[in-house]
Amino acid sequence: MLTLPAAVVDAIAAHASAGYPSETCGLLFAVAGAEACSRSLPMENLADRLHASDPAEYPRTSRDYFAMNGAKVAKAVREAEAAGECWLGIWHSHIDCGSYFSSEDTRTFAPDGVPTWPGLYQVVVDVRGHRVVEARAFRWDGRCFAPVATFPEFARNR
């Protein structure tokens, strides 16, 4: 089961809070073979740049969408693996709407009903007014991204 130590919770919460009112995102890594997250790597949300360059193709902004640079994700994963880590998951924030796995998240991570990375955890963090209020993890169960963990430690006073 996915566990997030206090340092990882604090890093995600700081990045997500600072990014409000935009969605933020990042990668989660662990020591190879473990499910205890050892670090979070924040990633840039490209949604606003994509929207500005082609609003017809990318109608959503960072307020309700996130997009990571695939080449940078691949590079970070290669570097982590070379250092003895494994890619454990992806996290992203939702703005003022709850930590649920949205239909947009499903289209992004399971296009045509086929998960891109079925073994990865997907952690969704709800941010309201620069404050993280909840977080939940989801994982592909063969049909959908099902909730597998809740992290009440995100809700503590920040």
Protein backbone atom coordinates (compact mmCIF):
# COMPACT_ATOMS: atom_id res chain seq x y z
CA MET A 1 0.00 0.00 0.00
CA LEU A 2 1.23 3.47 -0.84
CA THR A 3 2.60 5.45 2.09
CA LEU A 4 3.68 9.09 2.04
CA PRO A 5 6.14 10.24 4.72
CA ALA A 6 5.75 13.68 6.27
CA ALA A 7 8.53 15.21 4.14
CA VAL A 8 6.75 14.12 0.93
CA VAL A 9 3.36 15.34 2.20
CA ASP A 10 4.93 18.69 3.09
CA ALA A 11 6.66 19.01 -0.31
CA ILE A 12 3.48 18.22 -2.26
CA ALA A 13 1.38 20.51 -0.06
CA ALA A 14 3.85 23.39 -0.44
CA HIS A 15 3.97 23.06 -4.24
CA ALA A 16 0.20 22.63 -4.59
CA SER A 17 -0.58 25.54 -2.25
CA ALA A 18 1.89 27.87 -3.95
CA GLY A 19 0.45 27.03 -7.36
CA TYR A 20 -3.15 27.85 -6.43
CA PRO A 21 -5.37 28.68 -8.33
CA SER A 22 -3.64 26.53 -10.95
CA GLU A 23 -3.43 22.77 -10.88
CA THR A 24 0.04 21.51 -10.04
CA CYS A 25 1.59 18.12 -10.61
CA GLY A 26 4.56 15.90 -9.96
CA LEU A 27 6.02 12.43 -9.83
CA LEU A 28 6.43 10.06 -6.89
CA PHE A 29 9.42 7.77 -6.46
CA ALA A 30 10.40 5.00 -4.05
CA VAL A 31 13.35 2.76 -3.42
CA ALA A 32 13.10 0.00 -6.03
CA GLY A 33 10.55 -2.61 -4.97
CA ALA A 34 8.98 -0.49 -2.20
CA GLU A 35 5.61 1.23 -1.97
CA ALA A 36 6.75 3.77 0.61
CA CYS A 37 7.31 6.94 -1.33
CA SER A 38 10.77 8.38 -0.76
CA ARG A 39 10.46 11.58 -2.76
CA SER A 40 8.25 13.80 -4.88
CA LEU A 41 9.51 15.61 -7.95
CA PRO A 42 7.39 18.64 -8.89
CA MET A 43 6.76 19.04 -12.61
CA GLU A 44 5.69 22.07 -14.61
CA ASN A 45 2.03 22.23 -15.63
CA LEU A 46 2.03 23.06 -19.35
CA ALA A 47 -1.74 23.62 -19.58
CA ASP A 48 -1.61 27.40 -19.92
CA ARG A 49 1.13 27.29 -22.57
CA LEU A 50 -0.77 24.68 -24.56
CA HIS A 51 -3.99 26.67 -24.28
CA ALA A 52 -2.27 29.89 -25.40
CA SER A 53 -0.68 28.21 -28.41
CA ASP A 54 -3.82 26.37 -29.59
CA PRO A 55 -7.03 27.11 -27.66
CA ALA A 56 -9.12 25.01 -30.04
CA GLU A 57 -7.02 21.90 -29.40
CA TYR A 58 -6.44 22.72 -25.71
CA PRO A 59 -9.57 24.52 -24.47
CA ARG A 60 -8.78 24.03 -20.78
CA THR A 61 -6.38 26.07 -18.68
CA SER A 62 -4.38 25.23 -15.57
CA ARG A 63 -7.42 26.08 -13.47
CA ASP A 64 -8.93 22.68 -14.35
CA TYR A 65 -6.32 20.75 -16.33
CA PHE A 66 -2.71 19.70 -16.13
CA ALA A 67 -0.24 18.47 -18.70
CA MET A 68 3.34 17.38 -18.13
CA ASN A 69 6.19 17.33 -20.62
CA GLY A 70 6.42 13.66 -21.59
CA ALA A 71 10.13 13.89 -22.44
CA LYS A 72 10.90 15.38 -19.02
CA VAL A 73 8.84 12.69 -17.31
CA ALA A 74 10.71 9.97 -19.21
CA LYS A 75 14.07 11.55 -18.34
CA ALA A 76 13.17 11.80 -14.64
CA VAL A 77 12.08 8.15 -14.60
CA ARG A 78 15.29 7.01 -16.34
CA GLU A 79 17.41 8.97 -13.86
CA ALA A 80 15.47 7.58 -10.91
CA GLU A 81 15.86 4.02 -12.15
CA ALA A 82 19.60 4.54 -12.67
CA ALA A 83 19.78 5.68 -9.02
CA GLY A 84 17.98 2.56 -7.75
CA GLU A 85 14.51 4.05 -7.49
CA CYS A 86 11.22 3.08 -9.07
CA TRP A 87 8.45 5.30 -10.40
CA LEU A 88 5.64 4.92 -7.92
CA GLY A 89 3.04 7.39 -9.12
CA ILE A 90 1.82 10.75 -10.31
CA TRP A 91 0.20 13.42 -8.21
CA HIS A 92 -1.80 16.43 -9.25
CA SER A 93 -4.03 18.96 -7.60
CA HIS A 94 -7.67 19.79 -8.12
CA ILE A 95 -8.76 23.34 -7.44
CA ASP A 96 -11.73 23.91 -5.13
CA CYS A 97 -13.51 20.72 -6.14
CA GLY A 98 -12.37 17.65 -4.19
CA SER A 99 -9.79 14.90 -4.45
CA TYR A 100 -11.61 12.56 -6.81
CA PHE A 101 -10.48 10.87 -10.02
CA SER A 102 -12.25 12.95 -12.66
CA SER A 103 -13.48 11.92 -16.10
CA GLU A 104 -10.69 14.14 -17.52
CA ASP A 105 -8.16 12.22 -15.41
CA THR A 106 -9.54 8.97 -16.78
CA ARG A 107 -9.30 10.23 -20.39
CA THR A 108 -5.70 11.28 -19.71
CA PHE A 109 -4.51 8.12 -17.96
CA ALA A 110 -6.73 5.48 -19.59
CA PRO A 111 -7.50 6.64 -23.12
CA ASP A 112 -9.99 4.28 -24.74
CA GLY A 113 -10.28 2.46 -21.42
CA VAL A 114 -6.69 1.22 -21.50
CA PRO A 115 -4.45 2.56 -18.73
CA THR A 116 -1.17 4.14 -19.82
CA TRP A 117 0.60 3.08 -16.61
CA PRO A 118 -1.67 0.57 -14.83
CA GLY A 119 0.69 -0.03 -11.91
CA LEU A 120 1.18 3.61 -10.93
CA TYR A 121 -0.63 5.30 -8.09
CA GLN A 122 -2.53 8.47 -8.96
CA VAL A 123 -2.69 10.88 -6.03
CA VAL A 124 -5.20 13.72 -6.27
CA VAL A 125 -4.84 16.66 -3.87
CA ASP A 126 -7.68 19.14 -3.26
CA VAL A 127 -6.50 22.74 -2.80
CA ARG A 128 -8.83 25.48 -1.61
CA GLY A 129 -7.60 29.02 -1.14
CA HIS A 130 -3.88 28.07 -1.08
CA ARG A 131 -4.58 25.32 1.45
CA VAL A 132 -4.55 21.57 0.85
CA VAL A 133 -7.64 20.08 2.47
CA GLU A 134 -7.52 16.43 1.41
CA ALA A 135 -5.74 13.88 -0.75
CA ARG A 136 -6.61 10.44 -2.07
CA ALA A 137 -4.74 7.81 -4.05
CA PHE A 138 -6.24 5.80 -6.90
CA ARG A 139 -4.99 2.80 -8.84
CA TRP A 140 -6.18 0.87 -11.86
CA ASP A 141 -8.19 -2.17 -10.74
CA GLY A 142 -8.77 -3.70 -14.17
CA ARG A 143 -11.85 -1.60 -14.91
CA CYS A 144 -11.25 1.88 -13.52
CA PHE A 145 -9.07 3.97 -11.23
CA ALA A 146 -10.39 2.94 -7.83
CA PRO A 147 -9.64 4.70 -4.54
CA VAL A 148 -7.00 2.84 -2.51
CA ALA A 149 -5.92 5.31 0.18
CA THR A 150 -6.86 8.56 1.90
CA PHE A 151 -4.20 10.81 3.40
CA PRO A 152 -5.66 12.78 6.33
CA GLU A 153 -2.22 14.22 7.07
CA PHE A 154 -2.72 16.67 4.17
CA ALA A 155 -5.60 18.30 6.04
CA ARG A 156 -3.60 19.30 9.10
CA ASN A 157 -3.23 23.02 9.65
CA ARG A 158 -0.74 24.47 7.21
